[in-house]
Amino acid sequence: MFNHVQPEKSDIFVIFSNSGVNYVPVEMAKKVKDSQLPLIGIGSRKYSEYLKNTKNRQSLSDFSDIFIDNHTEIGDAVLSIPGLEQKIAPTSTVCGAFILNLILANVSMWLIQQKILTPPIFISGNLPDGKKKNTDLYNRYRKKVRTL
């Protein structure tokens, strides 16, 4: 997966793993660090520390230059329902999306304030010229971001 991305020295990786100990995100984090690229990890510190201590595993936070705690609960779910053994209603997805959008908003603002560049941002395809603007961005970046 790492080699498929073909990262450049200017790239910054953001890896999400709520538990922090699953194989794929941890192995990806190792590859990122072996390549001396910056890594932002996002997940639950409480959950990750619990699993590291009980299963003696490495965690995404072990490899992250910056680790952002999403403050979700161990097991992710937060709602108890009488008669149901396990909790339901996970929160990590909404927390992760919120954190990522805050990062993108702040980086965009900083880039503009510093007069470095106007960030390439996709817009709603329902807006006037939305489809054309998005197609232009897609064509500009599809070789770099091959999963688009």
C-alpha atoms as a PDB file:
ATOM      1  CA  MET A   1       0.000   0.000   0.000  1.00  0.00           C
ATOM      2  CA  PHE A   2       2.803   2.443   0.895  1.00  0.00           C
ATOM      3  CA  ASN A   3       4.617   1.810  -2.393  1.00  0.00           C
ATOM      4  CA  HIS A   4       1.372   2.314  -4.318  1.00  0.00           C
ATOM      5  CA  VAL A   5       1.183   5.890  -2.973  1.00  0.00           C
ATOM      6  CA  GLN A   6       4.705   6.748  -4.200  1.00  0.00           C
ATOM      7  CA  PRO A   7       5.237   9.498  -1.625  1.00  0.00           C
ATOM      8  CA  GLU A   8       7.463  12.488  -2.186  1.00  0.00           C
ATOM      9  CA  LYS A   9       9.681  14.174   0.422  1.00  0.00           C
ATOM     10  CA  SER A  10       7.133  17.000   0.787  1.00  0.00           C
ATOM     11  CA  ASP A  11       4.260  14.644   1.671  1.00  0.00           C
ATOM     12  CA  ILE A  12       2.723  14.408   5.131  1.00  0.00           C
ATOM     13  CA  PHE A  13       0.857  11.267   6.109  1.00  0.00           C
ATOM     14  CA  VAL A  14      -2.301  11.212   8.211  1.00  0.00           C
ATOM     15  CA  ILE A  15      -3.272   7.770   9.502  1.00  0.00           C
ATOM     16  CA  PHE A  16      -6.471   7.024  11.399  1.00  0.00           C
ATOM     17  CA  SER A  17      -6.827   4.084  13.757  1.00  0.00           C
ATOM     18  CA  ASN A  18      -9.212   4.380  16.659  1.00  0.00           C
ATOM     19  CA  SER A  19      -7.703   1.448  18.561  1.00  0.00           C
ATOM     20  CA  GLY A  20      -4.245   2.322  17.310  1.00  0.00           C
ATOM     21  CA  VAL A  21      -3.077  -1.298  17.234  1.00  0.00           C
ATOM     22  CA  ASN A  22      -4.546  -2.841  14.090  1.00  0.00           C
ATOM     23  CA  TYR A  23      -1.988  -4.376  11.763  1.00  0.00           C
ATOM     24  CA  VAL A  24      -2.431  -2.275   8.593  1.00  0.00           C
ATOM     25  CA  PRO A  25      -2.253   1.211  10.155  1.00  0.00           C
ATOM     26  CA  VAL A  26       0.687   0.239  12.380  1.00  0.00           C
ATOM     27  CA  GLU A  27       2.629  -1.313   9.493  1.00  0.00           C
ATOM     28  CA  MET A  28       1.871   1.730   7.322  1.00  0.00           C
ATOM     29  CA  ALA A  29       3.098   3.995  10.128  1.00  0.00           C
ATOM     30  CA  LYS A  30       6.345   1.979  10.318  1.00  0.00           C
ATOM     31  CA  LYS A  31       6.860   2.393   6.556  1.00  0.00           C
ATOM     32  CA  VAL A  32       6.220   6.133   6.798  1.00  0.00           C
ATOM     33  CA  LYS A  33       8.763   6.510   9.595  1.00  0.00           C
ATOM     34  CA  ASP A  34      11.300   4.275   7.817  1.00  0.00           C
ATOM     35  CA  SER A  35      10.998   6.701   4.901  1.00  0.00           C
ATOM     36  CA  GLN A  36      11.581   9.645   7.269  1.00  0.00           C
ATOM     37  CA  LEU A  37       8.294  11.290   6.322  1.00  0.00           C
ATOM     38  CA  PRO A  38       6.147  13.198   8.827  1.00  0.00           C
ATOM     39  CA  LEU A  39       3.211  11.332  10.323  1.00  0.00           C
ATOM     40  CA  ILE A  40       0.089  12.576  12.056  1.00  0.00           C
ATOM     41  CA  GLY A  41      -1.783   9.809  13.844  1.00  0.00           C
ATOM     42  CA  ILE A  42      -5.416  10.200  14.892  1.00  0.00           C
ATOM     43  CA  GLY A  43      -7.105   7.820  17.299  1.00  0.00           C
ATOM     44  CA  SER A  44      -8.164   7.160  20.866  1.00  0.00           C
ATOM     45  CA  ARG A  45      -5.264   7.388  23.292  1.00  0.00           C
ATOM     46  CA  LYS A  46      -7.350   5.694  26.017  1.00  0.00           C
ATOM     47  CA  TYR A  47      -8.272   2.746  23.783  1.00  0.00           C
ATOM     48  CA  SER A  48      -4.783   2.436  22.345  1.00  0.00           C
ATOM     49  CA  GLU A  49      -3.074   2.456  25.752  1.00  0.00           C
ATOM     50  CA  TYR A  50      -5.547  -0.113  27.067  1.00  0.00           C
ATOM     51  CA  LEU A  51      -4.828  -2.481  24.155  1.00  0.00           C
ATOM     52  CA  LYS A  52      -1.076  -1.887  24.245  1.00  0.00           C
ATOM     53  CA  ASN A  53      -1.050  -2.898  27.910  1.00  0.00           C
ATOM     54  CA  THR A  54      -3.322  -5.926  27.523  1.00  0.00           C
ATOM     55  CA  LYS A  55      -1.992  -7.295  24.243  1.00  0.00           C
ATOM     56  CA  ASN A  56       1.605  -6.024  24.312  1.00  0.00           C
ATOM     57  CA  ARG A  57       1.404  -4.457  20.833  1.00  0.00           C
ATOM     58  CA  GLN A  58       2.927  -1.449  19.167  1.00  0.00           C
ATOM     59  CA  SER A  59       0.594   1.428  18.492  1.00  0.00           C
ATOM     60  CA  LEU A  60       0.108   4.120  15.879  1.00  0.00           C
ATOM     61  CA  SER A  61       1.047   6.672  18.539  1.00  0.00           C
ATOM     62  CA  ASP A  62       4.491   5.008  18.869  1.00  0.00           C
ATOM     63  CA  PHE A  63       5.360   6.124  15.335  1.00  0.00           C
ATOM     64  CA  SER A  64       3.454   9.416  15.062  1.00  0.00           C
ATOM     65  CA  ASP A  65       5.276  12.749  15.088  1.00  0.00           C
ATOM     66  CA  ILE A  66       1.984  14.252  16.208  1.00  0.00           C
ATOM     67  CA  PHE A  67      -0.768  12.130  17.720  1.00  0.00           C
ATOM     68  CA  ILE A  68      -4.227  13.676  17.996  1.00  0.00           C
ATOM     69  CA  ASP A  69      -6.453  12.056  20.605  1.00  0.00           C
ATOM     70  CA  ASN A  70     -10.070  11.830  19.461  1.00  0.00           C
ATOM     71  CA  HIS A  71     -11.126  11.133  23.085  1.00  0.00           C
ATOM     72  CA  THR A  72     -13.381   8.215  22.181  1.00  0.00           C
ATOM     73  CA  GLU A  73     -14.109   5.398  24.608  1.00  0.00           C
ATOM     74  CA  ILE A  74     -12.502   1.969  24.822  1.00  0.00           C
ATOM     75  CA  GLY A  75     -14.394  -0.112  22.283  1.00  0.00           C
ATOM     76  CA  ASP A  76     -15.566   3.075  20.529  1.00  0.00           C
ATOM     77  CA  ALA A  77     -19.303   2.659  21.258  1.00  0.00           C
ATOM     78  CA  VAL A  78     -20.953   4.954  23.816  1.00  0.00           C
ATOM     79  CA  LEU A  79     -24.634   4.079  24.141  1.00  0.00           C
ATOM     80  CA  SER A  80     -25.890   1.423  26.550  1.00  0.00           C
ATOM     81  CA  ILE A  81     -29.310  -0.090  25.866  1.00  0.00           C
ATOM     82  CA  PRO A  82     -31.022  -2.204  28.518  1.00  0.00           C
ATOM     83  CA  GLY A  83     -31.132  -5.800  27.335  1.00  0.00           C
ATOM     84  CA  LEU A  84     -28.170  -5.393  24.971  1.00  0.00           C
ATOM     85  CA  GLU A  85     -24.856  -6.762  26.234  1.00  0.00           C
ATOM     86  CA  GLN A  86     -22.536  -4.447  24.289  1.00  0.00           C
ATOM     87  CA  LYS A  87     -22.668  -0.716  23.787  1.00  0.00           C
ATOM     88  CA  ILE A  88     -23.605   0.700  20.378  1.00  0.00           C
ATOM     89  CA  ALA A  89     -23.198   4.036  18.566  1.00  0.00           C
ATOM     90  CA  PRO A  90     -19.501   4.427  17.757  1.00  0.00           C
ATOM     91  CA  THR A  91     -18.102   7.959  17.800  1.00  0.00           C
ATOM     92  CA  SER A  92     -14.699   7.603  16.149  1.00  0.00           C
ATOM     93  CA  THR A  93     -15.932   8.233  12.590  1.00  0.00           C
ATOM     94  CA  VAL A  94     -17.594  11.542  13.339  1.00  0.00           C
ATOM     95  CA  CYS A  95     -14.698  12.607  15.592  1.00  0.00           C
ATOM     96  CA  GLY A  96     -12.138  11.685  12.948  1.00  0.00           C
ATOM     97  CA  ALA A  97     -13.992  13.545  10.197  1.00  0.00           C
ATOM     98  CA  PHE A  98     -14.313  16.599  12.439  1.00  0.00           C
ATOM     99  CA  ILE A  99     -10.603  16.549  13.344  1.00  0.00           C
ATOM    100  CA  LEU A 100      -9.538  16.143   9.715  1.00  0.00           C
ATOM    101  CA  ASN A 101     -11.809  18.974   8.574  1.00  0.00           C
ATOM    102  CA  LEU A 102     -10.373  21.247  11.285  1.00  0.00           C
ATOM    103  CA  ILE A 103      -6.844  20.409  10.130  1.00  0.00           C
ATOM    104  CA  LEU A 104      -7.744  21.110   6.494  1.00  0.00           C
ATOM    105  CA  ALA A 105      -9.464  24.388   7.377  1.00  0.00           C
ATOM    106  CA  ASN A 106      -6.548  25.615   9.492  1.00  0.00           C
ATOM    107  CA  VAL A 107      -3.897  24.582   6.978  1.00  0.00           C
ATOM    108  CA  SER A 108      -5.889  26.242   4.183  1.00  0.00           C
ATOM    109  CA  MET A 109      -6.181  29.446   6.191  1.00  0.00           C
ATOM    110  CA  TRP A 110      -2.460  29.406   7.003  1.00  0.00           C
ATOM    111  CA  LEU A 111      -1.450  28.793   3.369  1.00  0.00           C
ATOM    112  CA  ILE A 112      -3.582  31.726   2.227  1.00  0.00           C
ATOM    113  CA  GLN A 113      -2.414  34.057   5.029  1.00  0.00           C
ATOM    114  CA  GLN A 114       1.216  33.233   4.268  1.00  0.00           C
ATOM    115  CA  LYS A 115       0.519  33.806   0.563  1.00  0.00           C
ATOM    116  CA  ILE A 116       1.982  30.388  -0.209  1.00  0.00           C
ATOM    117  CA  LEU A 117      -0.869  29.119  -2.378  1.00  0.00           C
ATOM    118  CA  THR A 118      -4.606  28.855  -2.713  1.00  0.00           C
ATOM    119  CA  PRO A 119      -5.422  25.300  -1.638  1.00  0.00           C
ATOM    120  CA  PRO A 120      -7.070  23.066  -4.258  1.00  0.00           C
ATOM    121  CA  ILE A 121     -10.431  22.240  -2.680  1.00  0.00           C
ATOM    122  CA  PHE A 122     -13.222  20.182  -4.220  1.00  0.00           C
ATOM    123  CA  ILE A 123     -16.634  21.844  -4.114  1.00  0.00           C
ATOM    124  CA  SER A 124     -20.155  20.507  -4.312  1.00  0.00           C
ATOM    125  CA  GLY A 125     -20.910  19.227  -7.778  1.00  0.00           C
ATOM    126  CA  ASN A 126     -24.366  20.755  -7.385  1.00  0.00           C
ATOM    127  CA  LEU A 127     -22.997  24.313  -7.403  1.00  0.00           C
ATOM    128  CA  PRO A 128     -22.663  26.262 -10.645  1.00  0.00           C
ATOM    129  CA  ASP A 129     -19.462  25.105 -12.386  1.00  0.00           C
ATOM    130  CA  GLY A 130     -18.928  22.563  -9.565  1.00  0.00           C
ATOM    131  CA  LYS A 131     -18.578  19.597 -11.869  1.00  0.00           C
ATOM    132  CA  LYS A 132     -16.152  21.437 -14.176  1.00  0.00           C
ATOM    133  CA  LYS A 133     -14.005  22.734 -11.283  1.00  0.00           C
ATOM    134  CA  ASN A 134     -13.869  19.280  -9.699  1.00  0.00           C
ATOM    135  CA  THR A 135     -13.014  17.632 -13.026  1.00  0.00           C
ATOM    136  CA  ASP A 136     -10.174  20.130 -13.485  1.00  0.00           C
ATOM    137  CA  LEU A 137      -8.836  19.297  -9.999  1.00  0.00           C
ATOM    138  CA  TYR A 138      -9.223  15.585 -10.643  1.00  0.00           C
ATOM    139  CA  ASN A 139      -7.243  15.846 -13.892  1.00  0.00           C
ATOM    140  CA  ARG A 140      -4.574  17.952 -12.201  1.00  0.00           C
ATOM    141  CA  TYR A 141      -4.008  15.555  -9.283  1.00  0.00           C
ATOM    142  CA  ARG A 142      -5.053  12.091 -10.483  1.00  0.00           C
ATOM    143  CA  LYS A 143      -1.463  10.954 -11.062  1.00  0.00           C
ATOM    144  CA  LYS A 144      -0.491  12.076  -7.570  1.00  0.00           C
ATOM    145  CA  VAL A 145      -3.636  10.824  -5.802  1.00  0.00           C
ATOM    146  CA  ARG A 146      -4.368   7.684  -7.760  1.00  0.00           C
ATOM    147  CA  THR A 147      -7.292   6.712  -5.565  1.00  0.00           C
ATOM    148  CA  LEU A 148      -9.350   9.683  -6.829  1.00  0.00           C
END
